Amino acid sequence: SLQMDVLKPEDTAVYYCNADILVRAISYNYKRVYWGQ
């Protein structure tokens, strides 16, 4: 989460979530960076 207080006009933007995830596959795991919409 991102709690944003005392917001300013210069904070106007599209905000994206980013996560470095270790993903479970059938017989192995892999790591990938995911972005929100």
PDB file of all heavy atoms in Angstrom:
ATOM      1  N   SER A   1       0.833  -1.191   0.000  1.00  0.00           N
ATOM      2  CA  SER A   1       0.000   0.000   0.000  1.00  0.00           C
ATOM      3  C   SER A   1       0.868   1.242   0.000  1.00  0.00           C
ATOM      4  O   SER A   1       2.026   1.216   0.416  1.00  0.00           O
ATOM      5  CB  SER A   1      -0.923   0.018   1.218  1.00  0.00           C
ATOM      6  OG  SER A   1      -1.819  -1.070   1.204  1.00  0.00           O
ATOM      7  N   LEU A   2       0.280   2.319  -0.462  1.00  0.00           N
ATOM      8  CA  LEU A   2       0.941   3.618  -0.440  1.00  0.00           C
ATOM      9  C   LEU A   2      -0.038   4.632   0.121  1.00  0.00           C
ATOM     10  O   LEU A   2      -1.022   4.975  -0.537  1.00  0.00           O
ATOM     11  CB  LEU A   2       1.402   4.030  -1.840  1.00  0.00           C
ATOM     12  CG  LEU A   2       2.214   5.315  -1.922  1.00  0.00           C
ATOM     13  CD1 LEU A   2       3.595   5.118  -1.277  1.00  0.00           C
ATOM     14  CD2 LEU A   2       2.373   5.769  -3.369  1.00  0.00           C
ATOM     15  N   GLN A   3       0.218   5.068   1.329  1.00  0.00           N
ATOM     16  CA  GLN A   3      -0.577   6.120   1.950  1.00  0.00           C
ATOM     17  C   GLN A   3       0.014   7.458   1.545  1.00  0.00           C
ATOM     18  O   GLN A   3       1.179   7.744   1.836  1.00  0.00           O
ATOM     19  CB  GLN A   3      -0.581   5.974   3.468  1.00  0.00           C
ATOM     20  CG  GLN A   3      -1.343   7.067   4.204  1.00  0.00           C
ATOM     21  CD  GLN A   3      -2.825   7.026   3.930  1.00  0.00           C
ATOM     22  OE1 GLN A   3      -3.426   5.957   3.913  1.00  0.00           O
ATOM     23  NE2 GLN A   3      -3.420   8.192   3.704  1.00  0.00           N
ATOM     24  N   MET A   4      -0.775   8.268   0.878  1.00  0.00           N
ATOM     25  CA  MET A   4      -0.314   9.547   0.357  1.00  0.00           C
ATOM     26  C   MET A   4      -1.042  10.667   1.081  1.00  0.00           C
ATOM     27  O   MET A   4      -2.261  10.805   0.964  1.00  0.00           O
ATOM     28  CB  MET A   4      -0.552   9.636  -1.149  1.00  0.00           C
ATOM     29  CG  MET A   4       0.097   8.503  -1.940  1.00  0.00           C
ATOM     30  SD  MET A   4      -0.081   8.694  -3.734  1.00  0.00           S
ATOM     31  CE  MET A   4      -1.859   8.522  -3.888  1.00  0.00           C
ATOM     32  N   ASP A   5      -0.295  11.454   1.826  1.00  0.00           N
ATOM     33  CA  ASP A   5      -0.839  12.573   2.574  1.00  0.00           C
ATOM     34  C   ASP A   5      -0.240  13.881   2.061  1.00  0.00           C
ATOM     35  O   ASP A   5       0.824  13.902   1.443  1.00  0.00           O
ATOM     36  CB  ASP A   5      -0.547  12.426   4.065  1.00  0.00           C
ATOM     37  CG  ASP A   5      -1.171  11.196   4.683  1.00  0.00           C
ATOM     38  OD1 ASP A   5      -2.331  10.880   4.349  1.00  0.00           O
ATOM     39  OD2 ASP A   5      -0.496  10.542   5.512  1.00  0.00           O
ATOM     40  N   VAL A   6      -0.916  14.967   2.354  1.00  0.00           N
ATOM     41  CA  VAL A   6      -0.492  16.299   1.941  1.00  0.00           C
ATOM     42  C   VAL A   6      -0.166  16.296   0.447  1.00  0.00           C
ATOM     43  O   VAL A   6       0.919  16.713   0.018  1.00  0.00           O
ATOM     44  CB  VAL A   6       0.714  16.794   2.767  1.00  0.00           C
ATOM     45  CG1 VAL A   6       0.858  18.316   2.638  1.00  0.00           C
ATOM     46  CG2 VAL A   6       0.572  16.429   4.236  1.00  0.00           C
ATOM     47  N   LEU A   7      -1.098  15.829  -0.329  1.00  0.00           N
ATOM     48  CA  LEU A   7      -0.884  15.715  -1.764  1.00  0.00           C
ATOM     49  C   LEU A   7      -0.754  17.080  -2.420  1.00  0.00           C
ATOM     50  O   LEU A   7      -1.398  18.049  -2.020  1.00  0.00           O
ATOM     51  CB  LEU A   7      -2.023  14.931  -2.399  1.00  0.00           C
ATOM     52  CG  LEU A   7      -1.926  13.414  -2.211  1.00  0.00           C
ATOM     53  CD1 LEU A   7      -3.268  12.757  -2.447  1.00  0.00           C
ATOM     54  CD2 LEU A   7      -0.869  12.836  -3.143  1.00  0.00           C
ATOM     55  N   LYS A   8       0.083  17.125  -3.434  1.00  0.00           N
ATOM     56  CA  LYS A   8       0.355  18.336  -4.191  1.00  0.00           C
ATOM     57  C   LYS A   8       0.002  18.117  -5.654  1.00  0.00           C
ATOM     58  O   LYS A   8       0.019  16.982  -6.132  1.00  0.00           O
ATOM     59  CB  LYS A   8       1.833  18.715  -4.076  1.00  0.00           C
ATOM     60  CG  LYS A   8       2.336  18.903  -2.661  1.00  0.00           C
ATOM     61  CD  LYS A   8       3.839  19.162  -2.647  1.00  0.00           C
ATOM     62  CE  LYS A   8       4.360  19.342  -1.237  1.00  0.00           C
ATOM     63  NZ  LYS A   8       5.829  19.579  -1.221  1.00  0.00           N
ATOM     64  N   PRO A   9      -0.292  19.182  -6.383  1.00  0.00           N
ATOM     65  CA  PRO A   9      -0.586  19.014  -7.817  1.00  0.00           C
ATOM     66  C   PRO A   9       0.525  18.291  -8.570  1.00  0.00           C
ATOM     67  O   PRO A   9       0.231  17.548  -9.513  1.00  0.00           O
ATOM     68  CB  PRO A   9      -0.748  20.457  -8.308  1.00  0.00           C
ATOM     69  CG  PRO A   9      -1.254  21.193  -7.118  1.00  0.00           C
ATOM     70  CD  PRO A   9      -0.530  20.571  -5.946  1.00  0.00           C
ATOM     71  N   GLU A  10       1.760  18.489  -8.177  1.00  0.00           N
ATOM     72  CA  GLU A  10       2.863  17.819  -8.843  1.00  0.00           C
ATOM     73  C   GLU A  10       2.915  16.316  -8.580  1.00  0.00           C
ATOM     74  O   GLU A  10       3.721  15.609  -9.192  1.00  0.00           O
ATOM     75  CB  GLU A  10       4.209  18.460  -8.468  1.00  0.00           C
ATOM     76  CG  GLU A  10       4.393  18.674  -6.984  1.00  0.00           C
ATOM     77  CD  GLU A  10       4.046  20.087  -6.536  1.00  0.00           C
ATOM     78  OE1 GLU A  10       2.979  20.591  -6.927  1.00  0.00           O
ATOM     79  OE2 GLU A  10       4.846  20.690  -5.789  1.00  0.00           O
ATOM     80  N   ASP A  11       2.068  15.823  -7.692  1.00  0.00           N
ATOM     81  CA  ASP A  11       1.944  14.384  -7.490  1.00  0.00           C
ATOM     82  C   ASP A  11       1.049  13.733  -8.537  1.00  0.00           C
ATOM     83  O   ASP A  11       0.952  12.504  -8.580  1.00  0.00           O
ATOM     84  CB  ASP A  11       1.385  14.074  -6.096  1.00  0.00           C
ATOM     85  CG  ASP A  11       2.334  14.483  -4.982  1.00  0.00           C
ATOM     86  OD1 ASP A  11       3.552  14.260  -5.116  1.00  0.00           O
ATOM     87  OD2 ASP A  11       1.841  15.022  -3.962  1.00  0.00           O
ATOM     88  N   THR A  12       0.392  14.530  -9.346  1.00  0.00           N
ATOM     89  CA  THR A  12      -0.493  14.003 -10.375  1.00  0.00           C
ATOM     90  C   THR A  12       0.284  13.129 -11.351  1.00  0.00           C
ATOM     91  O   THR A  12       1.276  13.562 -11.937  1.00  0.00           O
ATOM     92  CB  THR A  12      -1.180  15.144 -11.128  1.00  0.00           C
ATOM     93  OG1 THR A  12      -2.025  15.869 -10.232  1.00  0.00           O
ATOM     94  CG2 THR A  12      -2.025  14.609 -12.278  1.00  0.00           C
ATOM     95  N   ALA A  13      -0.172  11.899 -11.518  1.00  0.00           N
ATOM     96  CA  ALA A  13       0.511  10.943 -12.375  1.00  0.00           C
ATOM     97  C   ALA A  13      -0.278   9.648 -12.395  1.00  0.00           C
ATOM     98  O   ALA A  13      -1.223   9.464 -11.629  1.00  0.00           O
ATOM     99  CB  ALA A  13       1.934  10.671 -11.875  1.00  0.00           C
ATOM    100  N   VAL A  14       0.127   8.755 -13.276  1.00  0.00           N
ATOM    101  CA  VAL A  14      -0.332   7.384 -13.216  1.00  0.00           C
ATOM    102  C   VAL A  14       0.622   6.626 -12.311  1.00  0.00           C
ATOM    103  O   VAL A  14       1.843   6.664 -12.511  1.00  0.00           O
ATOM    104  CB  VAL A  14      -0.389   6.724 -14.605  1.00  0.00           C
ATOM    105  CG1 VAL A  14      -0.812   5.266 -14.487  1.00  0.00           C
ATOM    106  CG2 VAL A  14      -1.349   7.483 -15.505  1.00  0.00           C
ATOM    107  N   TYR A  15       0.085   5.962 -11.329  1.00  0.00           N
ATOM    108  CA  TYR A  15       0.884   5.224 -10.369  1.00  0.00           C
ATOM    109  C   TYR A  15       0.830   3.734 -10.673  1.00  0.00           C
ATOM    110  O   TYR A  15      -0.242   3.168 -10.885  1.00  0.00           O
ATOM    111  CB  TYR A  15       0.386   5.488  -8.945  1.00  0.00           C
ATOM    112  CG  TYR A  15       0.784   6.843  -8.421  1.00  0.00           C
ATOM    113  CD1 TYR A  15       0.224   8.001  -8.941  1.00  0.00           C
ATOM    114  CD2 TYR A  15       1.741   6.970  -7.416  1.00  0.00           C
ATOM    115  CE1 TYR A  15       0.608   9.249  -8.476  1.00  0.00           C
ATOM    116  CE2 TYR A  15       2.121   8.212  -6.944  1.00  0.00           C
ATOM    117  CZ  TYR A  15       1.553   9.350  -7.480  1.00  0.00           C
ATOM    118  OH  TYR A  15       1.932  10.592  -7.008  1.00  0.00           O
ATOM    119  N   TYR A  16       2.000   3.110 -10.671  1.00  0.00           N
ATOM    120  CA  TYR A  16       2.131   1.705 -11.012  1.00  0.00           C
ATOM    121  C   TYR A  16       2.715   0.914  -9.855  1.00  0.00           C
ATOM    122  O   TYR A  16       3.709   1.323  -9.255  1.00  0.00           O
ATOM    123  CB  TYR A  16       3.045   1.516 -12.225  1.00  0.00           C
ATOM    124  CG  TYR A  16       2.549   2.159 -13.496  1.00  0.00           C
ATOM    125  CD1 TYR A  16       2.901   3.463 -13.824  1.00  0.00           C
ATOM    126  CD2 TYR A  16       1.738   1.453 -14.380  1.00  0.00           C
ATOM    127  CE1 TYR A  16       2.456   4.055 -14.998  1.00  0.00           C
ATOM    128  CE2 TYR A  16       1.295   2.036 -15.550  1.00  0.00           C
ATOM    129  CZ  TYR A  16       1.656   3.337 -15.855  1.00  0.00           C
ATOM    130  OH  TYR A  16       1.218   3.910 -17.021  1.00  0.00           O
ATOM    131  N   CYS A  17       2.127  -0.204  -9.594  1.00  0.00           N
ATOM    132  CA  CYS A  17       2.667  -1.147  -8.630  1.00  0.00           C
ATOM    133  C   CYS A  17       3.681  -2.050  -9.312  1.00  0.00           C
ATOM    134  O   CYS A  17       3.512  -2.437 -10.475  1.00  0.00           O
ATOM    135  CB  CYS A  17       1.534  -1.982  -8.031  1.00  0.00           C
ATOM    136  SG  CYS A  17       2.045  -3.201  -6.814  1.00  0.00           S
ATOM    137  N   ASN A  18       4.728  -2.387  -8.601  1.00  0.00           N
ATOM    138  CA  ASN A  18       5.801  -3.223  -9.115  1.00  0.00           C
ATOM    139  C   ASN A  18       6.139  -4.283  -8.074  1.00  0.00           C
ATOM    140  O   ASN A  18       6.222  -3.983  -6.883  1.00  0.00           O
ATOM    141  CB  ASN A  18       7.024  -2.347  -9.424  1.00  0.00           C
ATOM    142  CG  ASN A  18       8.265  -3.138  -9.777  1.00  0.00           C
ATOM    143  OD1 ASN A  18       8.961  -3.628  -8.882  1.00  0.00           O
ATOM    144  ND2 ASN A  18       8.552  -3.235 -11.059  1.00  0.00           N
ATOM    145  N   ALA A  19       6.328  -5.516  -8.534  1.00  0.00           N
ATOM    146  CA  ALA A  19       6.640  -6.599  -7.603  1.00  0.00           C
ATOM    147  C   ALA A  19       7.567  -7.605  -8.247  1.00  0.00           C
ATOM    148  O   ALA A  19       7.328  -8.045  -9.376  1.00  0.00           O
ATOM    149  CB  ALA A  19       5.360  -7.295  -7.137  1.00  0.00           C
ATOM    150  N   ASP A  20       8.610  -7.958  -7.533  1.00  0.00           N
ATOM    151  CA  ASP A  20       9.571  -8.970  -7.972  1.00  0.00           C
ATOM    152  C   ASP A  20       9.128 -10.290  -7.347  1.00  0.00           C
ATOM    153  O   ASP A  20       9.305 -10.500  -6.150  1.00  0.00           O
ATOM    154  CB  ASP A  20      10.975  -8.580  -7.542  1.00  0.00           C
ATOM    155  CG  ASP A  20      12.051  -9.468  -8.123  1.00  0.00           C
ATOM    156  OD1 ASP A  20      11.745 -10.307  -8.988  1.00  0.00           O
ATOM    157  OD2 ASP A  20      13.218  -9.310  -7.708  1.00  0.00           O
ATOM    158  N   ILE A  21       8.595 -11.181  -8.170  1.00  0.00           N
ATOM    159  CA  ILE A  21       7.875 -12.350  -7.672  1.00  0.00           C
ATOM    160  C   ILE A  21       8.556 -13.643  -8.079  1.00  0.00           C
ATOM    161  O   ILE A  21       8.916 -13.831  -9.248  1.00  0.00           O
ATOM    162  CB  ILE A  21       6.421 -12.349  -8.175  1.00  0.00           C
ATOM    163  CG1 ILE A  21       5.706 -11.085  -7.687  1.00  0.00           C
ATOM    164  CG2 ILE A  21       5.689 -13.599  -7.708  1.00  0.00           C
ATOM    165  CD1 ILE A  21       4.305 -10.924  -8.221  1.00  0.00           C
ATOM    166  N   LEU A  22       8.713 -14.534  -7.122  1.00  0.00           N
ATOM    167  CA  LEU A  22       9.119 -15.904  -7.402  1.00  0.00           C
ATOM    168  C   LEU A  22       7.850 -16.698  -7.651  1.00  0.00           C
ATOM    169  O   LEU A  22       7.012 -16.861  -6.762  1.00  0.00           O
ATOM    170  CB  LEU A  22       9.914 -16.483  -6.230  1.00  0.00           C
ATOM    171  CG  LEU A  22      10.467 -17.900  -6.416  1.00  0.00           C
ATOM    172  CD1 LEU A  22      11.483 -17.946  -7.544  1.00  0.00           C
ATOM    173  CD2 LEU A  22      11.098 -18.407  -5.122  1.00  0.00           C
ATOM    174  N   VAL A  23       7.717 -17.197  -8.880  1.00  0.00           N
ATOM    175  CA  VAL A  23       6.495 -17.842  -9.331  1.00  0.00           C
ATOM    176  C   VAL A  23       6.663 -19.354  -9.315  1.00  0.00           C
ATOM    177  O   VAL A  23       7.691 -19.880  -9.748  1.00  0.00           O
ATOM    178  CB  VAL A  23       6.129 -17.374 -10.753  1.00  0.00           C
ATOM    179  CG1 VAL A  23       4.825 -18.016 -11.212  1.00  0.00           C
ATOM    180  CG2 VAL A  23       6.024 -15.860 -10.800  1.00  0.00           C
ATOM    181  N   ARG A  24       5.645 -20.032  -8.846  1.00  0.00           N
ATOM    182  CA  ARG A  24       5.657 -21.495  -8.816  1.00  0.00           C
ATOM    183  C   ARG A  24       5.128 -22.053 -10.138  1.00  0.00           C
ATOM    184  O   ARG A  24       4.009 -21.741 -10.563  1.00  0.00           O
ATOM    185  CB  ARG A  24       4.813 -22.016  -7.662  1.00  0.00           C
ATOM    186  CG  ARG A  24       4.678 -23.541  -7.643  1.00  0.00           C
ATOM    187  CD  ARG A  24       3.861 -24.030  -6.461  1.00  0.00           C
ATOM    188  NE  ARG A  24       2.546 -23.427  -6.421  1.00  0.00           N
ATOM    189  CZ  ARG A  24       1.494 -23.809  -7.145  1.00  0.00           C
ATOM    190  NH1 ARG A  24       1.621 -24.832  -8.002  1.00  0.00           N
ATOM    191  NH2 ARG A  24       0.328 -23.194  -7.031  1.00  0.00           N
ATOM    192  N   ALA A  25       5.927 -22.901 -10.770  1.00  0.00           N
ATOM    193  CA  ALA A  25       5.516 -23.644 -11.949  1.00  0.00           C
ATOM    194  C   ALA A  25       5.344 -25.112 -11.570  1.00  0.00           C
ATOM    195  O   ALA A  25       5.462 -25.483 -10.397  1.00  0.00           O
ATOM    196  CB  ALA A  25       6.525 -23.472 -13.075  1.00  0.00           C
ATOM    197  N   ILE A  26       5.081 -25.953 -12.555  1.00  0.00           N
ATOM    198  CA  ILE A  26       4.802 -27.360 -12.269  1.00  0.00           C
ATOM    199  C   ILE A  26       5.986 -28.056 -11.614  1.00  0.00           C
ATOM    200  O   ILE A  26       5.842 -28.760 -10.601  1.00  0.00           O
ATOM    201  CB  ILE A  26       4.386 -28.099 -13.550  1.00  0.00           C
ATOM    202  CG1 ILE A  26       3.060 -27.531 -14.070  1.00  0.00           C
ATOM    203  CG2 ILE A  26       4.245 -29.596 -13.290  1.00  0.00           C
ATOM    204  CD1 ILE A  26       2.613 -28.129 -15.383  1.00  0.00           C
ATOM    205  N   SER A  27       7.180 -27.879 -12.179  1.00  0.00           N
ATOM    206  CA  SER A  27       8.347 -28.589 -11.669  1.00  0.00           C
ATOM    207  C   SER A  27       9.516 -27.668 -11.324  1.00  0.00           C
ATOM    208  O   SER A  27      10.606 -28.147 -11.014  1.00  0.00           O
ATOM    209  CB  SER A  27       8.810 -29.639 -12.685  1.00  0.00           C
ATOM    210  OG  SER A  27       9.160 -29.048 -13.913  1.00  0.00           O
ATOM    211  N   TYR A  28       9.295 -26.379 -11.370  1.00  0.00           N
ATOM    212  CA  TYR A  28      10.349 -25.436 -11.067  1.00  0.00           C
ATOM    213  C   TYR A  28       9.744 -24.083 -10.711  1.00  0.00           C
ATOM    214  O   TYR A  28       8.548 -23.859 -10.914  1.00  0.00           O
ATOM    215  CB  TYR A  28      11.301 -25.275 -12.257  1.00  0.00           C
ATOM    216  CG  TYR A  28      10.644 -24.677 -13.483  1.00  0.00           C
ATOM    217  CD1 TYR A  28      10.789 -23.332 -13.787  1.00  0.00           C
ATOM    218  CD2 TYR A  28       9.870 -25.468 -14.330  1.00  0.00           C
ATOM    219  CE1 TYR A  28      10.179 -22.783 -14.898  1.00  0.00           C
ATOM    220  CE2 TYR A  28       9.255 -24.925 -15.440  1.00  0.00           C
ATOM    221  CZ  TYR A  28       9.413 -23.582 -15.718  1.00  0.00           C
ATOM    222  OH  TYR A  28       8.803 -23.042 -16.830  1.00  0.00           O
ATOM    223  N   ASN A  29      10.552 -23.218 -10.191  1.00  0.00           N
ATOM    224  CA  ASN A  29      10.145 -21.848  -9.905  1.00  0.00           C
ATOM    225  C   ASN A  29      10.951 -20.882 -10.764  1.00  0.00           C
ATOM    226  O   ASN A  29      12.071 -21.181 -11.168  1.00  0.00           O
ATOM    227  CB  ASN A  29      10.352 -21.510  -8.425  1.00  0.00           C
ATOM    228  CG  ASN A  29       9.561 -22.404  -7.506  1.00  0.00           C
ATOM    229  OD1 ASN A  29       8.487 -22.890  -7.858  1.00  0.00           O
ATOM    230  ND2 ASN A  29      10.089 -22.618  -6.301  1.00  0.00           N
ATOM    231  N   TYR A  30      10.365 -19.740 -11.042  1.00  0.00           N
ATOM    232  CA  TYR A  30      11.079 -18.722 -11.781  1.00  0.00           C
ATOM    233  C   TYR A  30      10.725 -17.345 -11.231  1.00  0.00           C
ATOM    234  O   TYR A  30       9.657 -17.150 -10.653  1.00  0.00           O
ATOM    235  CB  TYR A  30      10.782 -18.805 -13.278  1.00  0.00           C
ATOM    236  CG  TYR A  30       9.339 -18.553 -13.656  1.00  0.00           C
ATOM    237  CD1 TYR A  30       8.902 -17.283 -14.005  1.00  0.00           C
ATOM    238  CD2 TYR A  30       8.422 -19.597 -13.686  1.00  0.00           C
ATOM    239  CE1 TYR A  30       7.584 -17.061 -14.362  1.00  0.00           C
ATOM    240  CE2 TYR A  30       7.108 -19.380 -14.038  1.00  0.00           C
ATOM    241  CZ  TYR A  30       6.691 -18.107 -14.380  1.00  0.00           C
ATOM    242  OH  TYR A  30       5.379 -17.892 -14.735  1.00  0.00           O
ATOM    243  N   LYS A  31      11.622 -16.404 -11.429  1.00  0.00           N
ATOM    244  CA  LYS A  31      11.451 -15.069 -10.896  1.00  0.00           C
ATOM    245  C   LYS A  31      11.167 -14.084 -12.022  1.00  0.00           C
ATOM    246  O   LYS A  31      11.801 -14.123 -13.074  1.00  0.00           O
ATOM    247  CB  LYS A  31      12.697 -14.636 -10.121  1.00  0.00           C
ATOM    248  CG  LYS A  31      12.441 -13.550  -9.096  1.00  0.00           C
ATOM    249  CD  LYS A  31      13.654 -13.346  -8.198  1.00  0.00           C
ATOM    250  CE  LYS A  31      13.337 -12.404  -7.056  1.00  0.00           C
ATOM    251  NZ  LYS A  31      14.517 -12.152  -6.213  1.00  0.00           N
ATOM    252  N   ARG A  32      10.227 -13.201 -11.764  1.00  0.00           N
ATOM    253  CA  ARG A  32       9.829 -12.241 -12.772  1.00  0.00           C
ATOM    254  C   ARG A  32       9.316 -10.968 -12.106  1.00  0.00           C
ATOM    255  O   ARG A  32       8.691 -11.020 -11.046  1.00  0.00           O
ATOM    256  CB  ARG A  32       8.743 -12.837 -13.672  1.00  0.00           C
ATOM    257  CG  ARG A  32       8.211 -11.888 -14.726  1.00  0.00           C
ATOM    258  CD  ARG A  32       7.121 -12.550 -15.542  1.00  0.00           C
ATOM    259  NE  ARG A  32       6.427 -11.600 -16.383  1.00  0.00           N
ATOM    260  CZ  ARG A  32       5.389 -11.881 -17.149  1.00  0.00           C
ATOM    261  NH1 ARG A  32       4.914 -13.117 -17.192  1.00  0.00           N
ATOM    262  NH2 ARG A  32       4.824 -10.934 -17.882  1.00  0.00           N
ATOM    263  N   VAL A  33       9.586  -9.838 -12.736  1.00  0.00           N
ATOM    264  CA  VAL A  33       9.062  -8.566 -12.271  1.00  0.00           C
ATOM    265  C   VAL A  33       7.709  -8.319 -12.925  1.00  0.00           C
ATOM    266  O   VAL A  33       7.575  -8.372 -14.152  1.00  0.00           O
ATOM    267  CB  VAL A  33      10.026  -7.414 -12.589  1.00  0.00           C
ATOM    268  CG1 VAL A  33       9.409  -6.079 -12.186  1.00  0.00           C
ATOM    269  CG2 VAL A  33      11.353  -7.615 -11.879  1.00  0.00           C
ATOM    270  N   TYR A  34       6.712  -8.031 -12.103  1.00  0.00           N
ATOM    271  CA  TYR A  34       5.369  -7.777 -12.585  1.00  0.00           C
ATOM    272  C   TYR A  34       4.993  -6.326 -12.339  1.00  0.00           C
ATOM    273  O   TYR A  34       5.390  -5.726 -11.329  1.00  0.00           O
ATOM    274  CB  TYR A  34       4.359  -8.684 -11.883  1.00  0.00           C
ATOM    275  CG  TYR A  34       4.423 -10.122 -12.313  1.00  0.00           C
ATOM    276  CD1 TYR A  34       5.332 -10.997 -11.729  1.00  0.00           C
ATOM    277  CD2 TYR A  34       3.588 -10.617 -13.304  1.00  0.00           C
ATOM    278  CE1 TYR A  34       5.403 -12.316 -12.129  1.00  0.00           C
ATOM    279  CE2 TYR A  34       3.645 -11.938 -13.706  1.00  0.00           C
ATOM    280  CZ  TYR A  34       4.553 -12.783 -13.117  1.00  0.00           C
ATOM    281  OH  TYR A  34       4.615 -14.097 -13.515  1.00  0.00           O
ATOM    282  N   TRP A  35       4.216  -5.798 -13.260  1.00  0.00           N
ATOM    283  CA  TRP A  35       3.703  -4.442 -13.160  1.00  0.00           C
ATOM    284  C   TRP A  35       2.183  -4.467 -13.145  1.00  0.00           C
ATOM    285  O   TRP A  35       1.547  -5.237 -13.867  1.00  0.00           O
ATOM    286  CB  TRP A  35       4.154  -3.591 -14.344  1.00  0.00           C
ATOM    287  CG  TRP A  35       5.619  -3.282 -14.349  1.00  0.00           C
ATOM    288  CD1 TRP A  35       6.622  -4.020 -14.904  1.00  0.00           C
ATOM    289  CD2 TRP A  35       6.245  -2.130 -13.778  1.00  0.00           C
ATOM    290  NE1 TRP A  35       7.831  -3.406 -14.710  1.00  0.00           N
ATOM    291  CE2 TRP A  35       7.630  -2.245 -14.028  1.00  0.00           C
ATOM    292  CE3 TRP A  35       5.767  -1.016 -13.086  1.00  0.00           C
ATOM    293  CZ2 TRP A  35       8.543  -1.279 -13.604  1.00  0.00           C
ATOM    294  CZ3 TRP A  35       6.678  -0.064 -12.662  1.00  0.00           C
ATOM    295  CH2 TRP A  35       8.046  -0.199 -12.927  1.00  0.00           C
ATOM    296  N   GLY A  36       1.613  -3.611 -12.343  1.00  0.00           N
ATOM    297  CA  GLY A  36       0.181  -3.425 -12.379  1.00  0.00           C
ATOM    298  C   GLY A  36      -0.224  -2.599 -13.584  1.00  0.00           C
ATOM    299  O   GLY A  36       0.614  -2.098 -14.346  1.00  0.00           O
ATOM    300  N   GLN A  37      -1.518  -2.451 -13.758  1.00  0.00           N
ATOM    301  CA  GLN A  37      -2.041  -1.747 -14.923  1.00  0.00           C
ATOM    302  C   GLN A  37      -1.958  -0.232 -14.799  1.00  0.00           C
ATOM    303  O   GLN A  37      -2.118   0.478 -15.791  1.00  0.00           O
ATOM    304  CB  GLN A  37      -3.503  -2.163 -15.156  1.00  0.00           C
ATOM    305  CG  GLN A  37      -4.524  -1.519 -14.217  1.00  0.00           C
ATOM    306  CD  GLN A  37      -4.548  -2.110 -12.821  1.00  0.00           C
ATOM    307  OE1 GLN A  37      -3.848  -3.059 -12.515  1.00  0.00           O
ATOM    308  NE2 GLN A  37      -5.381  -1.529 -11.949  1.00  0.00           N
TER     309      GLN A  37
END
